[in-house]
Amino acid sequence: MRGDLLALKVALAPCVIGYAEIAARLASRPDADAATNSYRVWIAEYAGVPYQEVAAKARAHIEHLADLYATPAREAELIAIFKEATRLEADFWEMGWRAGQRVE
């Protein structure tokens, strides 16, 4: 909700780049496209060439912005942004995972 374009791209990285990384790893598993795998469509979409290209371009754009605007003094800020965005992304998936579980 604040910051420059580099900060925004770092905040989006766990989703944009993370999905590509996770899907590629899951796609390499023998049961990735099994009919019983409820995530097979998601894996295929994000492990597919079109999305992998999106993620590669996002990674390259972050690296370019970092070359232009990142400084050693700013490193801690960017790390904190990435960590918080990663935590929020993990919480999002955890919320979905637990949606069907009974809360007592």
PDB file of N, CA and C in Angstrom:
ATOM      1  N   MET A   1       0.806  -1.191   0.000  1.00  0.00           N
ATOM      2  CA  MET A   1       0.000   0.000   0.000  1.00  0.00           C
ATOM      3  C   MET A   1       0.856   1.263   0.000  1.00  0.00           C
ATOM      4  N   ARG A   2       2.161   1.057  -0.068  1.00  0.00           N
ATOM      5  CA  ARG A   2       3.049   2.210  -0.112  1.00  0.00           C
ATOM      6  C   ARG A   2       4.348   1.767  -0.791  1.00  0.00           C
ATOM      7  N   GLY A   3       5.144   2.718  -1.170  1.00  0.00           N
ATOM      8  CA  GLY A   3       6.429   2.379  -1.769  1.00  0.00           C
ATOM      9  C   GLY A   3       6.438   2.619  -3.266  1.00  0.00           C
ATOM     10  N   ASP A   4       7.565   2.316  -3.854  1.00  0.00           N
ATOM     11  CA  ASP A   4       7.757   2.525  -5.282  1.00  0.00           C
ATOM     12  C   ASP A   4       7.491   1.230  -6.059  1.00  0.00           C
ATOM     13  N   LEU A   5       7.787   1.261  -7.350  1.00  0.00           N
ATOM     14  CA  LEU A   5       7.518   0.111  -8.208  1.00  0.00           C
ATOM     15  C   LEU A   5       8.331  -1.118  -7.774  1.00  0.00           C
ATOM     16  N   LEU A   6       9.568  -0.934  -7.361  1.00  0.00           N
ATOM     17  CA  LEU A   6      10.373  -2.062  -6.897  1.00  0.00           C
ATOM     18  C   LEU A   6       9.724  -2.703  -5.680  1.00  0.00           C
ATOM     19  N   ALA A   7       9.283  -1.904  -4.727  1.00  0.00           N
ATOM     20  CA  ALA A   7       8.634  -2.447  -3.533  1.00  0.00           C
ATOM     21  C   ALA A   7       7.369  -3.218  -3.918  1.00  0.00           C
ATOM     22  N   LEU A   8       6.595  -2.686  -4.851  1.00  0.00           N
ATOM     23  CA  LEU A   8       5.383  -3.364  -5.306  1.00  0.00           C
ATOM     24  C   LEU A   8       5.714  -4.701  -5.946  1.00  0.00           C
ATOM     25  N   LYS A   9       6.696  -4.719  -6.814  1.00  0.00           N
ATOM     26  CA  LYS A   9       7.070  -5.969  -7.496  1.00  0.00           C
ATOM     27  C   LYS A   9       7.609  -7.000  -6.513  1.00  0.00           C
ATOM     28  N   VAL A  10       8.358  -6.559  -5.512  1.00  0.00           N
ATOM     29  CA  VAL A  10       8.859  -7.475  -4.478  1.00  0.00           C
ATOM     30  C   VAL A  10       7.680  -8.045  -3.687  1.00  0.00           C
ATOM     31  N   ALA A  11       6.683  -7.220  -3.403  1.00  0.00           N
ATOM     32  CA  ALA A  11       5.495  -7.682  -2.670  1.00  0.00           C
ATOM     33  C   ALA A  11       4.684  -8.693  -3.487  1.00  0.00           C
ATOM     34  N   LEU A  12       4.683  -8.563  -4.796  1.00  0.00           N
ATOM     35  CA  LEU A  12       3.940  -9.488  -5.655  1.00  0.00           C
ATOM     36  C   LEU A  12       4.716 -10.757  -5.985  1.00  0.00           C
ATOM     37  N   ALA A  13       6.006 -10.760  -5.766  1.00  0.00           N
ATOM     38  CA  ALA A  13       6.856 -11.891  -6.150  1.00  0.00           C
ATOM     39  C   ALA A  13       6.434 -13.230  -5.549  1.00  0.00           C
ATOM     40  N   PRO A  14       6.049 -13.304  -4.280  1.00  0.00           N
ATOM     41  CA  PRO A  14       5.653 -14.619  -3.754  1.00  0.00           C
ATOM     42  C   PRO A  14       4.477 -15.237  -4.515  1.00  0.00           C
ATOM     43  N   CYS A  15       3.618 -14.415  -5.047  1.00  0.00           N
ATOM     44  CA  CYS A  15       2.495 -14.924  -5.840  1.00  0.00           C
ATOM     45  C   CYS A  15       2.949 -15.178  -7.282  1.00  0.00           C
ATOM     46  N   VAL A  16       3.380 -14.161  -7.950  1.00  0.00           N
ATOM     47  CA  VAL A  16       3.695 -14.266  -9.382  1.00  0.00           C
ATOM     48  C   VAL A  16       4.811 -15.271  -9.654  1.00  0.00           C
ATOM     49  N   ILE A  17       5.899 -15.146  -8.953  1.00  0.00           N
ATOM     50  CA  ILE A  17       7.038 -16.035  -9.171  1.00  0.00           C
ATOM     51  C   ILE A  17       6.878 -17.316  -8.360  1.00  0.00           C
ATOM     52  N   GLY A  18       6.352 -17.179  -7.158  1.00  0.00           N
ATOM     53  CA  GLY A  18       6.185 -18.342  -6.292  1.00  0.00           C
ATOM     54  C   GLY A  18       5.278 -19.400  -6.892  1.00  0.00           C
ATOM     55  N   TYR A  19       4.172 -18.993  -7.497  1.00  0.00           N
ATOM     56  CA  TYR A  19       3.264 -19.962  -8.108  1.00  0.00           C
ATOM     57  C   TYR A  19       3.979 -20.753  -9.206  1.00  0.00           C
ATOM     58  N   ALA A  20       4.783 -20.083  -9.988  1.00  0.00           N
ATOM     59  CA  ALA A  20       5.516 -20.769 -11.055  1.00  0.00           C
ATOM     60  C   ALA A  20       6.497 -21.783 -10.476  1.00  0.00           C
ATOM     61  N   GLU A  21       7.192 -21.399  -9.431  1.00  0.00           N
ATOM     62  CA  GLU A  21       8.157 -22.303  -8.789  1.00  0.00           C
ATOM     63  C   GLU A  21       7.466 -23.513  -8.182  1.00  0.00           C
ATOM     64  N   ILE A  22       6.406 -23.267  -7.439  1.00  0.00           N
ATOM     65  CA  ILE A  22       5.677 -24.358  -6.783  1.00  0.00           C
ATOM     66  C   ILE A  22       5.069 -25.300  -7.817  1.00  0.00           C
ATOM     67  N   ALA A  23       4.419 -24.741  -8.821  1.00  0.00           N
ATOM     68  CA  ALA A  23       3.781 -25.571  -9.843  1.00  0.00           C
ATOM     69  C   ALA A  23       4.804 -26.407 -10.606  1.00  0.00           C
ATOM     70  N   ALA A  24       5.943 -25.831 -10.937  1.00  0.00           N
ATOM     71  CA  ALA A  24       6.976 -26.590 -11.653  1.00  0.00           C
ATOM     72  C   ALA A  24       7.457 -27.769 -10.816  1.00  0.00           C
ATOM     73  N   ARG A  25       7.630 -27.550  -9.526  1.00  0.00           N
ATOM     74  CA  ARG A  25       8.056 -28.658  -8.649  1.00  0.00           C
ATOM     75  C   ARG A  25       6.972 -29.718  -8.532  1.00  0.00           C
ATOM     76  N   LEU A  26       5.720 -29.273  -8.372  1.00  0.00           N
ATOM     77  CA  LEU A  26       4.627 -30.239  -8.262  1.00  0.00           C
ATOM     78  C   LEU A  26       4.432 -31.005  -9.568  1.00  0.00           C
ATOM     79  N   ALA A  27       4.612 -30.345 -10.697  1.00  0.00           N
ATOM     80  CA  ALA A  27       4.435 -30.985 -12.001  1.00  0.00           C
ATOM     81  C   ALA A  27       5.432 -32.114 -12.230  1.00  0.00           C
ATOM     82  N   SER A  28       6.559 -32.054 -11.561  1.00  0.00           N
ATOM     83  CA  SER A  28       7.570 -33.097 -11.745  1.00  0.00           C
ATOM     84  C   SER A  28       7.246 -34.373 -10.966  1.00  0.00           C
ATOM     85  N   ARG A  29       6.239 -34.329 -10.126  1.00  0.00           N
ATOM     86  CA  ARG A  29       5.835 -35.515  -9.365  1.00  0.00           C
ATOM     87  C   ARG A  29       5.046 -36.462 -10.260  1.00  0.00           C
ATOM     88  N   PRO A  30       5.199 -37.759 -10.030  1.00  0.00           N
ATOM     89  CA  PRO A  30       4.518 -38.741 -10.894  1.00  0.00           C
ATOM     90  C   PRO A  30       2.991 -38.629 -10.890  1.00  0.00           C
ATOM     91  N   ASP A  31       2.394 -38.200  -9.784  1.00  0.00           N
ATOM     92  CA  ASP A  31       0.936 -38.147  -9.698  1.00  0.00           C
ATOM     93  C   ASP A  31       0.360 -36.757  -9.983  1.00  0.00           C
ATOM     94  N   ALA A  32       1.160 -35.880 -10.535  1.00  0.00           N
ATOM     95  CA  ALA A  32       0.724 -34.490 -10.746  1.00  0.00           C
ATOM     96  C   ALA A  32      -0.520 -34.392 -11.614  1.00  0.00           C
ATOM     97  N   ASP A  33      -0.606 -35.209 -12.645  1.00  0.00           N
ATOM     98  CA  ASP A  33      -1.767 -35.108 -13.538  1.00  0.00           C
ATOM     99  C   ASP A  33      -2.769 -36.247 -13.347  1.00  0.00           C
ATOM    100  N   ALA A  34      -2.677 -36.915 -12.213  1.00  0.00           N
ATOM    101  CA  ALA A  34      -3.627 -37.995 -11.920  1.00  0.00           C
ATOM    102  C   ALA A  34      -5.033 -37.420 -11.745  1.00  0.00           C
ATOM    103  N   ALA A  35      -6.016 -38.152 -12.193  1.00  0.00           N
ATOM    104  CA  ALA A  35      -7.406 -37.702 -12.087  1.00  0.00           C
ATOM    105  C   ALA A  35      -7.814 -37.472 -10.638  1.00  0.00           C
ATOM    106  N   THR A  36      -7.164 -38.144  -9.719  1.00  0.00           N
ATOM    107  CA  THR A  36      -7.495 -37.991  -8.297  1.00  0.00           C
ATOM    108  C   THR A  36      -6.831 -36.774  -7.656  1.00  0.00           C
ATOM    109  N   ASN A  37      -5.952 -36.118  -8.369  1.00  0.00           N
ATOM    110  CA  ASN A  37      -5.269 -34.938  -7.836  1.00  0.00           C
ATOM    111  C   ASN A  37      -6.155 -33.709  -8.068  1.00  0.00           C
ATOM    112  N   SER A  38      -6.733 -33.201  -6.996  1.00  0.00           N
ATOM    113  CA  SER A  38      -7.644 -32.061  -7.139  1.00  0.00           C
ATOM    114  C   SER A  38      -6.937 -30.776  -7.574  1.00  0.00           C
ATOM    115  N   TYR A  39      -5.612 -30.753  -7.562  1.00  0.00           N
ATOM    116  CA  TYR A  39      -4.849 -29.575  -7.974  1.00  0.00           C
ATOM    117  C   TYR A  39      -4.262 -29.711  -9.380  1.00  0.00           C
ATOM    118  N   ARG A  40      -4.618 -30.763 -10.088  1.00  0.00           N
ATOM    119  CA  ARG A  40      -3.976 -31.025 -11.382  1.00  0.00           C
ATOM    120  C   ARG A  40      -4.184 -29.887 -12.390  1.00  0.00           C
ATOM    121  N   VAL A  41      -5.355 -29.273 -12.400  1.00  0.00           N
ATOM    122  CA  VAL A  41      -5.605 -28.164 -13.335  1.00  0.00           C
ATOM    123  C   VAL A  41      -4.756 -26.956 -12.955  1.00  0.00           C
ATOM    124  N   TRP A  42      -4.695 -26.654 -11.655  1.00  0.00           N
ATOM    125  CA  TRP A  42      -3.870 -25.543 -11.170  1.00  0.00           C
ATOM    126  C   TRP A  42      -2.405 -25.782 -11.513  1.00  0.00           C
ATOM    127  N   ILE A  43      -1.925 -26.998 -11.267  1.00  0.00           N
ATOM    128  CA  ILE A  43      -0.530 -27.339 -11.567  1.00  0.00           C
ATOM    129  C   ILE A  43      -0.254 -27.169 -13.049  1.00  0.00           C
ATOM    130  N   ALA A  44      -1.132 -27.698 -13.889  1.00  0.00           N
ATOM    131  CA  ALA A  44      -0.929 -27.602 -15.334  1.00  0.00           C
ATOM    132  C   ALA A  44      -0.892 -26.150 -15.796  1.00  0.00           C
ATOM    133  N   GLU A  45      -1.783 -25.326 -15.252  1.00  0.00           N
ATOM    134  CA  GLU A  45      -1.834 -23.911 -15.645  1.00  0.00           C
ATOM    135  C   GLU A  45      -0.546 -23.174 -15.279  1.00  0.00           C
ATOM    136  N   TYR A  46      -0.114 -23.306 -14.045  1.00  0.00           N
ATOM    137  CA  TYR A  46       1.033 -22.532 -13.575  1.00  0.00           C
ATOM    138  C   TYR A  46       2.381 -23.154 -13.925  1.00  0.00           C
ATOM    139  N   ALA A  47       2.389 -24.452 -14.242  1.00  0.00           N
ATOM    140  CA  ALA A  47       3.631 -25.096 -14.694  1.00  0.00           C
ATOM    141  C   ALA A  47       3.778 -25.002 -16.211  1.00  0.00           C
ATOM    142  N   GLY A  48       2.712 -24.598 -16.886  1.00  0.00           N
ATOM    143  CA  GLY A  48       2.738 -24.508 -18.344  1.00  0.00           C
ATOM    144  C   GLY A  48       3.636 -23.386 -18.845  1.00  0.00           C
ATOM    145  N   VAL A  49       4.036 -23.527 -20.070  1.00  0.00           N
ATOM    146  CA  VAL A  49       4.956 -22.568 -20.689  1.00  0.00           C
ATOM    147  C   VAL A  49       4.450 -21.127 -20.619  1.00  0.00           C
ATOM    148  N   PRO A  50       3.183 -20.857 -20.926  1.00  0.00           N
ATOM    149  CA  PRO A  50       2.756 -19.449 -20.891  1.00  0.00           C
ATOM    150  C   PRO A  50       2.955 -18.790 -19.516  1.00  0.00           C
ATOM    151  N   TYR A  51       2.566 -19.487 -18.443  1.00  0.00           N
ATOM    152  CA  TYR A  51       2.737 -18.863 -17.128  1.00  0.00           C
ATOM    153  C   TYR A  51       4.199 -18.847 -16.703  1.00  0.00           C
ATOM    154  N   GLN A  52       4.956 -19.855 -17.065  1.00  0.00           N
ATOM    155  CA  GLN A  52       6.385 -19.851 -16.738  1.00  0.00           C
ATOM    156  C   GLN A  52       7.074 -18.659 -17.404  1.00  0.00           C
ATOM    157  N   GLU A  53       6.626 -18.289 -18.592  1.00  0.00           N
ATOM    158  CA  GLU A  53       7.161 -17.103 -19.270  1.00  0.00           C
ATOM    159  C   GLU A  53       6.785 -15.826 -18.529  1.00  0.00           C
ATOM    160  N   VAL A  54       5.547 -15.751 -18.029  1.00  0.00           N
ATOM    161  CA  VAL A  54       5.111 -14.599 -17.230  1.00  0.00           C
ATOM    162  C   VAL A  54       6.014 -14.455 -16.011  1.00  0.00           C
ATOM    163  N   ALA A  55       6.252 -15.556 -15.323  1.00  0.00           N
ATOM    164  CA  ALA A  55       7.086 -15.523 -14.114  1.00  0.00           C
ATOM    165  C   ALA A  55       8.527 -15.140 -14.439  1.00  0.00           C
ATOM    166  N   ALA A  56       9.054 -15.647 -15.535  1.00  0.00           N
ATOM    167  CA  ALA A  56      10.428 -15.308 -15.931  1.00  0.00           C
ATOM    168  C   ALA A  56      10.544 -13.814 -16.239  1.00  0.00           C
ATOM    169  N   LYS A  57       9.542 -13.266 -16.897  1.00  0.00           N
ATOM    170  CA  LYS A  57       9.546 -11.827 -17.182  1.00  0.00           C
ATOM    171  C   LYS A  57       9.426 -11.013 -15.896  1.00  0.00           C
ATOM    172  N   ALA A  58       8.606 -11.480 -14.967  1.00  0.00           N
ATOM    173  CA  ALA A  58       8.472 -10.784 -13.675  1.00  0.00           C
ATOM    174  C   ALA A  58       9.790 -10.802 -12.915  1.00  0.00           C
ATOM    175  N   ARG A  59      10.452 -11.947 -12.916  1.00  0.00           N
ATOM    176  CA  ARG A  59      11.752 -12.066 -12.250  1.00  0.00           C
ATOM    177  C   ARG A  59      12.768 -11.122 -12.884  1.00  0.00           C
ATOM    178  N   ALA A  60      12.810 -11.097 -14.203  1.00  0.00           N
ATOM    179  CA  ALA A  60      13.745 -10.224 -14.919  1.00  0.00           C
ATOM    180  C   ALA A  60      13.440  -8.751 -14.638  1.00  0.00           C
ATOM    181  N   HIS A  61      12.155  -8.401 -14.550  1.00  0.00           N
ATOM    182  CA  HIS A  61      11.776  -7.021 -14.280  1.00  0.00           C
ATOM    183  C   HIS A  61      12.212  -6.611 -12.871  1.00  0.00           C
ATOM    184  N   ILE A  62      12.016  -7.488 -11.899  1.00  0.00           N
ATOM    185  CA  ILE A  62      12.467  -7.189 -10.532  1.00  0.00           C
ATOM    186  C   ILE A  62      13.980  -6.998 -10.506  1.00  0.00           C
ATOM    187  N   GLU A  63      14.689  -7.877 -11.190  1.00  0.00           N
ATOM    188  CA  GLU A  63      16.149  -7.750 -11.225  1.00  0.00           C
ATOM    189  C   GLU A  63      16.574  -6.436 -11.869  1.00  0.00           C
ATOM    190  N   HIS A  64      15.885  -6.049 -12.924  1.00  0.00           N
ATOM    191  CA  HIS A  64      16.200  -4.771 -13.585  1.00  0.00           C
ATOM    192  C   HIS A  64      15.930  -3.590 -12.648  1.00  0.00           C
ATOM    193  N   LEU A  65      14.771  -3.612 -11.985  1.00  0.00           N
ATOM    194  CA  LEU A  65      14.451  -2.542 -11.036  1.00  0.00           C
ATOM    195  C   LEU A  65      15.448  -2.512  -9.885  1.00  0.00           C
ATOM    196  N   ALA A  66      15.839  -3.677  -9.424  1.00  0.00           N
ATOM    197  CA  ALA A  66      16.820  -3.745  -8.333  1.00  0.00           C
ATOM    198  C   ALA A  66      18.156  -3.155  -8.770  1.00  0.00           C
ATOM    199  N   ASP A  67      18.557  -3.439 -10.001  1.00  0.00           N
ATOM    200  CA  ASP A  67      19.804  -2.849 -10.511  1.00  0.00           C
ATOM    201  C   ASP A  67      19.730  -1.327 -10.507  1.00  0.00           C
ATOM    202  N   LEU A  68      18.550  -0.795 -10.793  1.00  0.00           N
ATOM    203  CA  LEU A  68      18.376   0.654 -10.860  1.00  0.00           C
ATOM    204  C   LEU A  68      18.193   1.312  -9.492  1.00  0.00           C
ATOM    205  N   TYR A  69      17.424   0.670  -8.603  1.00  0.00           N
ATOM    206  CA  TYR A  69      16.964   1.365  -7.401  1.00  0.00           C
ATOM    207  C   TYR A  69      17.340   0.737  -6.062  1.00  0.00           C
ATOM    208  N   ALA A  70      17.776  -0.485  -6.065  1.00  0.00           N
ATOM    209  CA  ALA A  70      18.127  -1.119  -4.784  1.00  0.00           C
ATOM    210  C   ALA A  70      19.495  -0.638  -4.330  1.00  0.00           C
ATOM    211  N   THR A  71      19.589  -0.411  -3.053  1.00  0.00           N
ATOM    212  CA  THR A  71      20.864  -0.019  -2.450  1.00  0.00           C
ATOM    213  C   THR A  71      21.082  -0.901  -1.232  1.00  0.00           C
ATOM    214  N   PRO A  72      22.318  -0.998  -0.758  1.00  0.00           N
ATOM    215  CA  PRO A  72      22.545  -1.784   0.460  1.00  0.00           C
ATOM    216  C   PRO A  72      21.685  -1.291   1.636  1.00  0.00           C
ATOM    217  N   ALA A  73      21.466   0.010   1.717  1.00  0.00           N
ATOM    218  CA  ALA A  73      20.660   0.569   2.803  1.00  0.00           C
ATOM    219  C   ALA A  73      19.194   0.140   2.687  1.00  0.00           C
ATOM    220  N   ARG A  74      18.758  -0.172   1.499  1.00  0.00           N
ATOM    221  CA  ARG A  74      17.355  -0.529   1.262  1.00  0.00           C
ATOM    222  C   ARG A  74      17.099  -2.031   1.342  1.00  0.00           C
ATOM    223  N   GLU A  75      18.153  -2.799   1.423  1.00  0.00           N
ATOM    224  CA  GLU A  75      18.035  -4.256   1.409  1.00  0.00           C
ATOM    225  C   GLU A  75      17.108  -4.778   2.508  1.00  0.00           C
ATOM    226  N   ALA A  76      17.253  -4.294   3.717  1.00  0.00           N
ATOM    227  CA  ALA A  76      16.417  -4.766   4.829  1.00  0.00           C
ATOM    228  C   ALA A  76      14.939  -4.480   4.571  1.00  0.00           C
ATOM    229  N   GLU A  77      14.645  -3.319   4.012  1.00  0.00           N
ATOM    230  CA  GLU A  77      13.252  -2.960   3.704  1.00  0.00           C
ATOM    231  C   GLU A  77      12.657  -3.927   2.689  1.00  0.00           C
ATOM    232  N   LEU A  78      13.402  -4.230   1.624  1.00  0.00           N
ATOM    233  CA  LEU A  78      12.905  -5.121   0.583  1.00  0.00           C
ATOM    234  C   LEU A  78      12.746  -6.544   1.106  1.00  0.00           C
ATOM    235  N   ILE A  79      13.659  -6.982   1.954  1.00  0.00           N
ATOM    236  CA  ILE A  79      13.544  -8.312   2.564  1.00  0.00           C
ATOM    237  C   ILE A  79      12.298  -8.380   3.442  1.00  0.00           C
ATOM    238  N   ALA A  80      12.050  -7.342   4.214  1.00  0.00           N
ATOM    239  CA  ALA A  80      10.875  -7.314   5.085  1.00  0.00           C
ATOM    240  C   ALA A  80       9.586  -7.360   4.260  1.00  0.00           C
ATOM    241  N   ILE A  81       9.555  -6.631   3.165  1.00  0.00           N
ATOM    242  CA  ILE A  81       8.384  -6.641   2.281  1.00  0.00           C
ATOM    243  C   ILE A  81       8.162  -8.048   1.731  1.00  0.00           C
ATOM    244  N   PHE A  82       9.216  -8.673   1.263  1.00  0.00           N
ATOM    245  CA  PHE A  82       9.104 -10.024   0.701  1.00  0.00           C
ATOM    246  C   PHE A  82       8.642 -11.020   1.758  1.00  0.00           C
ATOM    247  N   LYS A  83       9.210 -10.940   2.953  1.00  0.00           N
ATOM    248  CA  LYS A  83       8.815 -11.854   4.029  1.00  0.00           C
ATOM    249  C   LYS A  83       7.344 -11.695   4.402  1.00  0.00           C
ATOM    250  N   GLU A  84       6.879 -10.466   4.516  1.00  0.00           N
ATOM    251  CA  GLU A  84       5.483 -10.225   4.868  1.00  0.00           C
ATOM    252  C   GLU A  84       4.552 -10.706   3.759  1.00  0.00           C
ATOM    253  N   ALA A  85       4.899 -10.444   2.523  1.00  0.00           N
ATOM    254  CA  ALA A  85       4.076 -10.896   1.400  1.00  0.00           C
ATOM    255  C   ALA A  85       4.048 -12.428   1.338  1.00  0.00           C
ATOM    256  N   THR A  86       5.167 -13.062   1.634  1.00  0.00           N
ATOM    257  CA  THR A  86       5.225 -14.529   1.658  1.00  0.00           C
ATOM    258  C   THR A  86       4.356 -15.075   2.777  1.00  0.00           C
ATOM    259  N   ARG A  87       4.393 -14.451   3.938  1.00  0.00           N
ATOM    260  CA  ARG A  87       3.552 -14.880   5.057  1.00  0.00           C
ATOM    261  C   ARG A  87       2.071 -14.754   4.694  1.00  0.00           C
ATOM    262  N   LEU A  88       1.710 -13.640   4.082  1.00  0.00           N
ATOM    263  CA  LEU A  88       0.315 -13.441   3.678  1.00  0.00           C
ATOM    264  C   LEU A  88      -0.116 -14.463   2.623  1.00  0.00           C
ATOM    265  N   GLU A  89       0.761 -14.777   1.700  1.00  0.00           N
ATOM    266  CA  GLU A  89       0.456 -15.774   0.679  1.00  0.00           C
ATOM    267  C   GLU A  89       0.279 -17.152   1.314  1.00  0.00           C
ATOM    268  N   ALA A  90       1.151 -17.504   2.243  1.00  0.00           N
ATOM    269  CA  ALA A  90       1.019 -18.787   2.944  1.00  0.00           C
ATOM    270  C   ALA A  90      -0.279 -18.831   3.747  1.00  0.00           C
ATOM    271  N   ASP A  91      -0.632 -17.733   4.394  1.00  0.00           N
ATOM    272  CA  ASP A  91      -1.890 -17.673   5.145  1.00  0.00           C
ATOM    273  C   ASP A  91      -3.093 -17.850   4.219  1.00  0.00           C
ATOM    274  N   PHE A  92      -3.021 -17.281   3.031  1.00  0.00           N
ATOM    275  CA  PHE A  92      -4.093 -17.431   2.052  1.00  0.00           C
ATOM    276  C   PHE A  92      -4.317 -18.907   1.722  1.00  0.00           C
ATOM    277  N   TRP A  93      -3.234 -19.624   1.440  1.00  0.00           N
ATOM    278  CA  TRP A  93      -3.341 -21.045   1.116  1.00  0.00           C
ATOM    279  C   TRP A  93      -3.795 -21.853   2.329  1.00  0.00           C
ATOM    280  N   GLU A  94      -3.301 -21.493   3.486  1.00  0.00           N
ATOM    281  CA  GLU A  94      -3.696 -22.188   4.717  1.00  0.00           C
ATOM    282  C   GLU A  94      -5.198 -22.006   4.966  1.00  0.00           C
ATOM    283  N   MET A  95      -5.711 -20.818   4.730  1.00  0.00           N
ATOM    284  CA  MET A  95      -7.134 -20.543   4.905  1.00  0.00           C
ATOM    285  C   MET A  95      -7.955 -21.462   3.993  1.00  0.00           C
ATOM    286  N   GLY A  96      -7.538 -21.601   2.754  1.00  0.00           N
ATOM    287  CA  GLY A  96      -8.232 -22.484   1.830  1.00  0.00           C
ATOM    288  C   GLY A  96      -8.123 -23.931   2.245  1.00  0.00           C
ATOM    289  N   TRP A  97      -6.956 -24.316   2.706  1.00  0.00           N
ATOM    290  CA  TRP A  97      -6.718 -25.708   3.126  1.00  0.00           C
ATOM    291  C   TRP A  97      -7.623 -26.076   4.298  1.00  0.00           C
ATOM    292  N   ARG A  98      -7.782 -25.142   5.217  1.00  0.00           N
ATOM    293  CA  ARG A  98      -8.557 -25.403   6.437  1.00  0.00           C
ATOM    294  C   ARG A  98     -10.047 -25.073   6.289  1.00  0.00           C
ATOM    295  N   ALA A  99     -10.463 -24.570   5.159  1.00  0.00           N
ATOM    296  CA  ALA A  99     -11.860 -24.133   4.989  1.00  0.00           C
ATOM    297  C   ALA A  99     -12.866 -25.233   5.283  1.00  0.00           C
ATOM    298  N   GLY A 100     -12.531 -26.452   4.931  1.00  0.00           N
ATOM    299  CA  GLY A 100     -13.466 -27.548   5.140  1.00  0.00           C
ATOM    300  C   GLY A 100     -13.340 -28.218   6.492  1.00  0.00           C
ATOM    301  N   GLN A 101     -12.394 -27.780   7.298  1.00  0.00           N
ATOM    302  CA  GLN A 101     -12.187 -28.406   8.610  1.00  0.00           C
ATOM    303  C   GLN A 101     -13.063 -27.762   9.660  1.00  0.00           C
ATOM    304  N   ARG A 102     -13.492 -28.538  10.584  1.00  0.00           N
ATOM    305  CA  ARG A 102     -14.341 -28.055  11.664  1.00  0.00           C
ATOM    306  C   ARG A 102     -13.500 -27.300  12.689  1.00  0.00           C
ATOM    307  N   VAL A 103     -13.963 -26.135  13.075  1.00  0.00           N
ATOM    308  CA  VAL A 103     -13.287 -25.332  14.087  1.00  0.00           C
ATOM    309  C   VAL A 103     -14.041 -25.480  15.404  1.00  0.00           C
ATOM    310  N   GLU A 104     -13.304 -25.778  16.449  1.00  0.00           N
ATOM    311  CA  GLU A 104     -13.945 -25.932  17.755  1.00  0.00           C
ATOM    312  C   GLU A 104     -13.455 -24.901  18.725  1.00  0.00           C
TER     313      GLU A 104
END
